Amino acid sequence: MSALDISKKACSECGQRCYQRQKVRGLWKHPWQDFPCIFLLEEVQVWICSNCKNVASVKGDAEKLDSVIESSVREQTSQFIEIIKAKTGVTNERIAQLIGISPSYLASLNSQKRTASFNLWNELKAIAIDPEEMIKRLDPSWDLLKENLLLRA
């Protein structure tokens, strides 16, 4: 079925014939790989059922949407790394060590050559929001230091 007559196709979810071409940007509430939802940084057009919000899978649209999603995840990951470095002054090597990945893998994430998993993306996001989180969650000596300080008080 061509992109021109997709509007006449019955939705696989609700059975209605109400697909409409829509531009989407921002929060995309449809799963992609292991991401439950994505924030799209670039606008993309897709066919969406106006009744149930199901997305029609049209070859060109699916490839473009996948590309925009991956690009958005890569850009956000790179921004999180830059925010962490700016807030903490920590090097790429130290960040990689603290989160348990190789410095070369972190560098490929930072240069947007690789795509982070949802767990890694989420971890970088949490650290970018609160860099102290990196110390609390990822540095095993932090709990010992905190415990020692509390015992001395």
N, C-alpha and C. Protein backbone atom coordinates (compact mmCIF):
# COMPACT_ATOMS: atom_id res chain seq x y z
N MET A 1 0.85 -1.17 0.00
CA MET A 1 0.00 0.00 0.00
C MET A 1 0.90 1.23 0.00
N SER A 2 0.64 2.16 -0.86
CA SER A 2 1.49 3.35 -0.95
C SER A 2 1.15 4.33 0.16
N ALA A 3 2.05 5.27 0.38
CA ALA A 3 1.85 6.28 1.42
C ALA A 3 0.63 7.14 1.11
N LEU A 4 0.25 7.25 -0.17
CA LEU A 4 -0.87 8.11 -0.53
C LEU A 4 -2.22 7.52 -0.12
N ASP A 5 -2.35 6.20 -0.13
CA ASP A 5 -3.65 5.62 0.22
C ASP A 5 -3.67 4.95 1.60
N ILE A 6 -2.69 5.21 2.44
CA ILE A 6 -2.66 4.66 3.79
C ILE A 6 -3.83 5.19 4.61
N SER A 7 -4.34 6.36 4.26
CA SER A 7 -5.46 6.94 5.01
C SER A 7 -6.73 6.09 4.88
N LYS A 8 -6.77 5.24 3.86
CA LYS A 8 -7.95 4.37 3.66
C LYS A 8 -7.78 3.01 4.33
N LYS A 9 -6.60 2.75 4.84
CA LYS A 9 -6.32 1.47 5.48
C LYS A 9 -6.97 1.42 6.87
N ALA A 10 -7.52 0.26 7.21
CA ALA A 10 -8.10 0.08 8.55
C ALA A 10 -6.97 -0.09 9.56
N CYS A 11 -7.12 0.56 10.68
CA CYS A 11 -6.15 0.48 11.76
C CYS A 11 -6.11 -0.94 12.32
N SER A 12 -4.93 -1.46 12.55
CA SER A 12 -4.79 -2.81 13.09
C SER A 12 -5.20 -2.90 14.56
N GLU A 13 -5.27 -1.78 15.24
CA GLU A 13 -5.65 -1.76 16.67
C GLU A 13 -7.15 -1.59 16.85
N CYS A 14 -7.74 -0.55 16.22
CA CYS A 14 -9.14 -0.23 16.49
C CYS A 14 -10.08 -0.54 15.31
N GLY A 15 -9.51 -0.83 14.13
CA GLY A 15 -10.32 -1.17 12.97
C GLY A 15 -10.89 0.01 12.21
N GLN A 16 -10.70 1.22 12.72
CA GLN A 16 -11.23 2.42 12.06
C GLN A 16 -10.32 2.81 10.89
N ARG A 17 -10.89 3.52 9.93
CA ARG A 17 -10.12 4.04 8.80
C ARG A 17 -9.89 5.53 9.04
N CYS A 18 -8.96 5.82 9.91
CA CYS A 18 -8.76 7.23 10.27
C CYS A 18 -7.29 7.60 10.46
N TYR A 19 -6.42 7.04 9.60
CA TYR A 19 -5.02 7.42 9.66
C TYR A 19 -4.86 8.82 9.10
N GLN A 20 -4.05 9.62 9.77
CA GLN A 20 -3.75 10.97 9.32
C GLN A 20 -2.25 11.19 9.36
N ARG A 21 -1.77 11.97 8.42
CA ARG A 21 -0.35 12.32 8.38
C ARG A 21 -0.12 13.39 9.44
N GLN A 22 0.83 13.14 10.35
CA GLN A 22 1.11 14.09 11.42
C GLN A 22 2.60 14.31 11.57
N LYS A 23 2.96 15.54 11.88
CA LYS A 23 4.34 15.87 12.23
C LYS A 23 4.48 15.67 13.72
N VAL A 24 5.53 14.97 14.11
CA VAL A 24 5.76 14.73 15.53
C VAL A 24 7.15 15.21 15.91
N ARG A 25 7.24 15.75 17.09
CA ARG A 25 8.49 16.20 17.69
C ARG A 25 8.24 16.27 19.18
N GLY A 26 9.26 16.06 19.96
CA GLY A 26 9.07 16.06 21.41
C GLY A 26 8.85 14.65 21.91
N LEU A 27 8.02 14.50 22.92
CA LEU A 27 7.82 13.20 23.55
C LEU A 27 7.11 12.23 22.61
N TRP A 28 7.77 11.13 22.32
CA TRP A 28 7.24 10.06 21.47
C TRP A 28 6.97 8.89 22.39
N LYS A 29 5.70 8.61 22.64
CA LYS A 29 5.30 7.62 23.65
C LYS A 29 5.16 6.21 23.08
N HIS A 30 6.04 5.87 22.17
CA HIS A 30 6.03 4.52 21.59
C HIS A 30 7.40 3.90 21.85
N PRO A 31 7.44 2.65 22.30
CA PRO A 31 8.72 2.01 22.60
C PRO A 31 9.63 1.91 21.37
N TRP A 32 10.92 1.99 21.62
CA TRP A 32 11.94 1.80 20.60
C TRP A 32 13.10 1.07 21.26
N GLN A 33 13.46 -0.08 20.71
CA GLN A 33 14.46 -0.95 21.32
C GLN A 33 14.13 -1.13 22.79
N ASP A 34 15.04 -0.78 23.71
CA ASP A 34 14.72 -0.94 25.13
C ASP A 34 14.26 0.36 25.79
N PHE A 35 14.00 1.39 24.99
CA PHE A 35 13.51 2.67 25.50
C PHE A 35 11.98 2.63 25.54
N PRO A 36 11.38 2.94 26.70
CA PRO A 36 9.91 2.94 26.77
C PRO A 36 9.29 4.12 26.02
N CYS A 37 10.01 5.23 25.94
CA CYS A 37 9.58 6.39 25.17
C CYS A 37 10.83 7.22 24.87
N ILE A 38 10.69 8.16 23.95
CA ILE A 38 11.84 8.93 23.48
C ILE A 38 11.42 10.39 23.37
N PHE A 39 12.37 11.30 23.56
CA PHE A 39 12.13 12.70 23.26
C PHE A 39 12.80 12.99 21.92
N LEU A 40 12.00 13.23 20.89
CA LEU A 40 12.51 13.48 19.55
C LEU A 40 12.99 14.92 19.44
N LEU A 41 14.23 15.09 19.03
CA LEU A 41 14.80 16.42 18.88
C LEU A 41 14.53 17.01 17.50
N GLU A 42 14.14 16.16 16.57
CA GLU A 42 13.88 16.59 15.19
C GLU A 42 12.45 16.19 14.82
N GLU A 43 11.84 17.00 13.98
CA GLU A 43 10.48 16.72 13.53
C GLU A 43 10.49 15.64 12.45
N VAL A 44 9.49 14.76 12.52
CA VAL A 44 9.34 13.70 11.53
C VAL A 44 7.85 13.49 11.28
N GLN A 45 7.50 13.12 10.04
CA GLN A 45 6.10 12.87 9.71
C GLN A 45 5.81 11.37 9.72
N VAL A 46 4.67 11.02 10.32
CA VAL A 46 4.24 9.63 10.37
C VAL A 46 2.72 9.57 10.20
N TRP A 47 2.23 8.37 9.88
CA TRP A 47 0.78 8.14 9.82
C TRP A 47 0.32 7.65 11.18
N ILE A 48 -0.63 8.36 11.79
CA ILE A 48 -1.14 8.02 13.11
C ILE A 48 -2.66 7.91 13.05
N CYS A 49 -3.19 6.87 13.65
CA CYS A 49 -4.64 6.70 13.74
C CYS A 49 -5.18 7.76 14.69
N SER A 50 -6.07 8.59 14.20
CA SER A 50 -6.62 9.66 15.03
C SER A 50 -7.54 9.12 16.12
N ASN A 51 -7.97 7.88 16.00
CA ASN A 51 -8.86 7.27 17.00
C ASN A 51 -8.08 6.69 18.18
N CYS A 52 -7.06 5.87 17.90
CA CYS A 52 -6.35 5.16 18.98
C CYS A 52 -4.86 5.50 19.08
N LYS A 53 -4.37 6.35 18.19
CA LYS A 53 -2.96 6.80 18.18
C LYS A 53 -1.97 5.72 17.74
N ASN A 54 -2.46 4.64 17.14
CA ASN A 54 -1.58 3.62 16.59
C ASN A 54 -0.81 4.22 15.42
N VAL A 55 0.45 3.83 15.26
CA VAL A 55 1.28 4.35 14.18
C VAL A 55 1.33 3.31 13.07
N ALA A 56 1.00 3.73 11.85
CA ALA A 56 1.06 2.82 10.70
C ALA A 56 2.52 2.67 10.28
N SER A 57 2.91 1.46 10.01
CA SER A 57 4.27 1.19 9.59
C SER A 57 4.37 1.27 8.07
N VAL A 58 4.89 2.37 7.60
CA VAL A 58 5.12 2.58 6.18
C VAL A 58 6.63 2.62 5.99
N LYS A 59 7.14 1.87 5.02
CA LYS A 59 8.58 1.66 4.89
C LYS A 59 9.41 2.94 5.01
N GLY A 60 9.17 3.93 4.22
CA GLY A 60 9.96 5.16 4.27
C GLY A 60 9.83 5.88 5.60
N ASP A 61 8.61 5.89 6.14
CA ASP A 61 8.37 6.54 7.43
C ASP A 61 9.12 5.83 8.55
N ALA A 62 9.04 4.51 8.55
CA ALA A 62 9.67 3.73 9.61
C ALA A 62 11.19 3.95 9.63
N GLU A 63 11.80 3.98 8.47
CA GLU A 63 13.25 4.20 8.39
C GLU A 63 13.62 5.61 8.85
N LYS A 64 12.84 6.60 8.44
CA LYS A 64 13.10 7.99 8.84
C LYS A 64 12.89 8.15 10.34
N LEU A 65 11.80 7.60 10.86
CA LEU A 65 11.52 7.68 12.30
C LEU A 65 12.63 7.02 13.10
N ASP A 66 13.07 5.84 12.68
CA ASP A 66 14.15 5.13 13.36
C ASP A 66 15.42 5.98 13.38
N SER A 67 15.71 6.62 12.26
CA SER A 67 16.89 7.48 12.15
C SER A 67 16.79 8.68 13.10
N VAL A 68 15.62 9.31 13.15
CA VAL A 68 15.42 10.47 14.03
C VAL A 68 15.51 10.05 15.50
N ILE A 69 14.94 8.92 15.83
CA ILE A 69 15.00 8.43 17.21
C ILE A 69 16.44 8.16 17.61
N GLU A 70 17.16 7.43 16.78
CA GLU A 70 18.55 7.10 17.11
C GLU A 70 19.40 8.36 17.23
N SER A 71 19.21 9.29 16.33
CA SER A 71 19.94 10.56 16.37
C SER A 71 19.63 11.33 17.65
N SER A 72 18.36 11.32 18.05
CA SER A 72 17.95 12.01 19.29
C SER A 72 18.61 11.38 20.51
N VAL A 73 18.61 10.06 20.58
CA VAL A 73 19.23 9.36 21.71
C VAL A 73 20.72 9.65 21.76
N ARG A 74 21.38 9.61 20.61
CA ARG A 74 22.82 9.87 20.56
C ARG A 74 23.13 11.30 20.99
N GLU A 75 22.36 12.27 20.51
CA GLU A 75 22.57 13.67 20.87
C GLU A 75 22.36 13.88 22.37
N GLN A 76 21.29 13.31 22.92
CA GLN A 76 21.02 13.47 24.35
C GLN A 76 22.12 12.83 25.19
N THR A 77 22.58 11.65 24.78
CA THR A 77 23.65 10.97 25.51
C THR A 77 24.90 11.84 25.54
N SER A 78 25.26 12.40 24.40
CA SER A 78 26.42 13.27 24.31
C SER A 78 26.26 14.50 25.19
N GLN A 79 25.06 15.07 25.21
CA GLN A 79 24.79 16.23 26.07
C GLN A 79 24.92 15.87 27.54
N PHE A 80 24.43 14.69 27.94
CA PHE A 80 24.55 14.27 29.34
C PHE A 80 26.02 14.19 29.74
N ILE A 81 26.84 13.60 28.87
CA ILE A 81 28.28 13.46 29.16
C ILE A 81 28.92 14.84 29.31
N GLU A 82 28.58 15.75 28.42
CA GLU A 82 29.14 17.11 28.48
C GLU A 82 28.69 17.84 29.74
N ILE A 83 27.46 17.65 30.14
CA ILE A 83 26.94 18.28 31.37
C ILE A 83 27.68 17.73 32.58
N ILE A 84 27.88 16.42 32.62
CA ILE A 84 28.61 15.80 33.74
C ILE A 84 30.01 16.37 33.83
N LYS A 85 30.70 16.45 32.70
CA LYS A 85 32.06 16.99 32.70
C LYS A 85 32.08 18.45 33.13
N ALA A 86 31.11 19.24 32.66
CA ALA A 86 31.07 20.66 33.01
C ALA A 86 30.77 20.87 34.50
N LYS A 87 29.86 20.05 35.05
CA LYS A 87 29.48 20.22 36.46
C LYS A 87 30.52 19.69 37.43
N THR A 88 31.25 18.67 37.01
CA THR A 88 32.16 18.01 37.95
C THR A 88 33.63 18.22 37.66
N GLY A 89 33.97 18.55 36.43
CA GLY A 89 35.38 18.67 36.05
C GLY A 89 36.06 17.32 35.92
N VAL A 90 35.28 16.26 35.92
CA VAL A 90 35.81 14.90 35.83
C VAL A 90 36.13 14.57 34.37
N THR A 91 37.19 13.81 34.16
CA THR A 91 37.60 13.43 32.81
C THR A 91 36.73 12.30 32.26
N ASN A 92 36.79 12.12 30.95
CA ASN A 92 36.09 11.00 30.31
C ASN A 92 36.52 9.68 30.93
N GLU A 93 37.82 9.54 31.18
CA GLU A 93 38.34 8.29 31.72
C GLU A 93 37.74 7.99 33.09
N ARG A 94 37.64 9.01 33.93
CA ARG A 94 37.08 8.82 35.27
C ARG A 94 35.59 8.52 35.22
N ILE A 95 34.86 9.22 34.34
CA ILE A 95 33.43 8.95 34.19
C ILE A 95 33.24 7.50 33.75
N ALA A 96 34.00 7.09 32.75
CA ALA A 96 33.90 5.71 32.25
C ALA A 96 34.19 4.70 33.36
N GLN A 97 35.22 4.97 34.14
CA GLN A 97 35.59 4.08 35.25
C GLN A 97 34.45 4.00 36.26
N LEU A 98 33.87 5.13 36.61
CA LEU A 98 32.82 5.15 37.63
C LEU A 98 31.53 4.47 37.19
N ILE A 99 31.23 4.52 35.88
CA ILE A 99 29.99 3.87 35.44
C ILE A 99 30.23 2.49 34.84
N GLY A 100 31.47 2.07 34.80
CA GLY A 100 31.77 0.69 34.42
C GLY A 100 31.81 0.40 32.93
N ILE A 101 32.25 1.39 32.14
CA ILE A 101 32.43 1.16 30.71
C ILE A 101 33.84 1.59 30.33
N SER A 102 34.27 1.22 29.15
CA SER A 102 35.62 1.59 28.73
C SER A 102 35.65 3.05 28.28
N PRO A 103 36.79 3.71 28.44
CA PRO A 103 36.92 5.10 27.98
C PRO A 103 36.66 5.23 26.47
N SER A 104 37.04 4.23 25.70
CA SER A 104 36.80 4.31 24.25
C SER A 104 35.31 4.21 23.93
N TYR A 105 34.58 3.41 24.70
CA TYR A 105 33.13 3.33 24.49
C TYR A 105 32.47 4.65 24.87
N LEU A 106 32.90 5.25 25.98
CA LEU A 106 32.36 6.55 26.38
C LEU A 106 32.67 7.60 25.32
N ALA A 107 33.88 7.57 24.77
CA ALA A 107 34.25 8.52 23.73
C ALA A 107 33.38 8.34 22.49
N SER A 108 33.06 7.09 22.14
CA SER A 108 32.19 6.85 20.97
C SER A 108 30.76 7.30 21.24
N LEU A 109 30.32 7.24 22.49
CA LEU A 109 29.00 7.77 22.86
C LEU A 109 29.02 9.29 22.79
N ASN A 110 30.09 9.88 23.29
CA ASN A 110 30.20 11.34 23.32
C ASN A 110 30.29 11.93 21.91
N SER A 111 30.91 11.20 21.00
CA SER A 111 31.04 11.68 19.61
C SER A 111 29.86 11.24 18.75
N GLN A 112 28.87 10.61 19.37
CA GLN A 112 27.63 10.18 18.73
C GLN A 112 27.84 9.12 17.64
N LYS A 113 28.87 8.30 17.82
CA LYS A 113 29.12 7.20 16.88
C LYS A 113 28.42 5.92 17.31
N ARG A 114 28.04 5.84 18.59
CA ARG A 114 27.34 4.65 19.11
C ARG A 114 26.10 5.11 19.86
N THR A 115 25.16 4.18 20.03
CA THR A 115 23.91 4.47 20.71
C THR A 115 23.89 3.74 22.05
N ALA A 116 23.64 4.48 23.10
CA ALA A 116 23.59 3.91 24.45
C ALA A 116 22.34 3.06 24.63
N SER A 117 22.43 2.07 25.49
CA SER A 117 21.24 1.33 25.90
C SER A 117 20.40 2.25 26.78
N PHE A 118 19.16 1.87 27.00
CA PHE A 118 18.30 2.69 27.86
C PHE A 118 18.88 2.79 29.26
N ASN A 119 19.38 1.69 29.80
CA ASN A 119 19.93 1.71 31.17
C ASN A 119 21.11 2.68 31.28
N LEU A 120 22.02 2.64 30.32
CA LEU A 120 23.17 3.53 30.35
C LEU A 120 22.74 4.97 30.12
N TRP A 121 21.85 5.19 29.16
CA TRP A 121 21.32 6.53 28.88
C TRP A 121 20.68 7.10 30.15
N ASN A 122 19.88 6.28 30.82
CA ASN A 122 19.18 6.71 32.02
C ASN A 122 20.15 7.02 33.16
N GLU A 123 21.19 6.21 33.27
CA GLU A 123 22.20 6.44 34.29
C GLU A 123 22.94 7.76 34.05
N LEU A 124 23.32 8.00 32.79
CA LEU A 124 23.99 9.26 32.45
C LEU A 124 23.06 10.45 32.69
N LYS A 125 21.80 10.28 32.39
CA LYS A 125 20.82 11.35 32.63
C LYS A 125 20.73 11.68 34.12
N ALA A 126 20.62 10.64 34.96
CA ALA A 126 20.53 10.84 36.41
C ALA A 126 21.76 11.54 36.94
N ILE A 127 22.92 11.16 36.44
CA ILE A 127 24.17 11.79 36.90
C ILE A 127 24.25 13.23 36.41
N ALA A 128 23.81 13.49 35.18
CA ALA A 128 23.84 14.86 34.65
C ALA A 128 22.92 15.77 35.47
N ILE A 129 21.80 15.25 35.92
CA ILE A 129 20.87 16.04 36.73
C ILE A 129 21.48 16.29 38.12
N ASP A 130 22.08 15.25 38.70
CA ASP A 130 22.65 15.35 40.04
C ASP A 130 24.00 14.65 40.06
N PRO A 131 25.09 15.38 39.76
CA PRO A 131 26.41 14.74 39.70
C PRO A 131 26.83 14.06 41.00
N GLU A 132 26.29 14.51 42.12
CA GLU A 132 26.58 13.86 43.39
C GLU A 132 26.10 12.40 43.36
N GLU A 133 25.10 12.14 42.52
CA GLU A 133 24.58 10.78 42.34
C GLU A 133 25.69 9.83 41.88
N MET A 134 26.59 10.35 41.04
CA MET A 134 27.69 9.53 40.55
C MET A 134 28.54 9.04 41.72
N ILE A 135 28.78 9.90 42.65
CA ILE A 135 29.60 9.53 43.80
C ILE A 135 28.82 8.57 44.71
N LYS A 136 27.59 8.93 45.01
CA LYS A 136 26.78 8.12 45.93
C LYS A 136 26.55 6.70 45.42
N ARG A 137 26.17 6.59 44.15
CA ARG A 137 25.79 5.28 43.61
C ARG A 137 26.96 4.48 43.07
N LEU A 138 27.98 5.14 42.59
CA LEU A 138 28.98 4.43 41.81
C LEU A 138 30.35 4.33 42.45
N ASP A 139 30.62 5.10 43.47
CA ASP A 139 31.92 5.05 44.11
C ASP A 139 31.78 4.26 45.41
N PRO A 140 32.29 3.02 45.45
CA PRO A 140 32.08 2.17 46.63
C PRO A 140 32.68 2.76 47.90
N SER A 141 33.70 3.59 47.79
CA SER A 141 34.31 4.16 49.00
C SER A 141 33.43 5.24 49.62
N TRP A 142 32.45 5.75 48.88
CA TRP A 142 31.61 6.83 49.41
C TRP A 142 30.85 6.38 50.64
N ASP A 143 30.25 5.19 50.61
CA ASP A 143 29.50 4.69 51.77
C ASP A 143 30.41 4.52 52.98
N LEU A 144 31.61 4.03 52.74
CA LEU A 144 32.55 3.86 53.84
C LEU A 144 32.94 5.21 54.41
N LEU A 145 33.21 6.18 53.55
CA LEU A 145 33.58 7.51 53.99
C LEU A 145 32.43 8.13 54.79
N LYS A 146 31.21 8.02 54.27
CA LYS A 146 30.05 8.56 54.96
C LYS A 146 29.89 7.89 56.32
N GLU A 147 30.04 6.56 56.34
CA GLU A 147 29.90 5.82 57.60
C GLU A 147 30.94 6.27 58.60
N ASN A 148 32.20 6.44 58.17
CA ASN A 148 33.26 6.88 59.06
C ASN A 148 32.98 8.28 59.61
N LEU A 149 32.47 9.16 58.76
CA LEU A 149 32.15 10.51 59.21
C LEU A 149 31.03 10.49 60.24
N LEU A 150 30.03 9.64 60.03
CA LEU A 150 28.93 9.55 60.98
C LEU A 150 29.38 8.97 62.32
N LEU A 151 30.31 8.00 62.28
CA LEU A 151 30.79 7.39 63.50
C LEU A 151 31.61 8.37 64.31
N ARG A 152 32.30 9.30 63.64
CA ARG A 152 33.13 10.29 64.34
C ARG A 152 32.30 11.39 64.98
N ALA A 153 31.09 11.59 64.50
CA ALA A 153 30.29 12.72 64.98
C ALA A 153 29.77 12.53 66.37
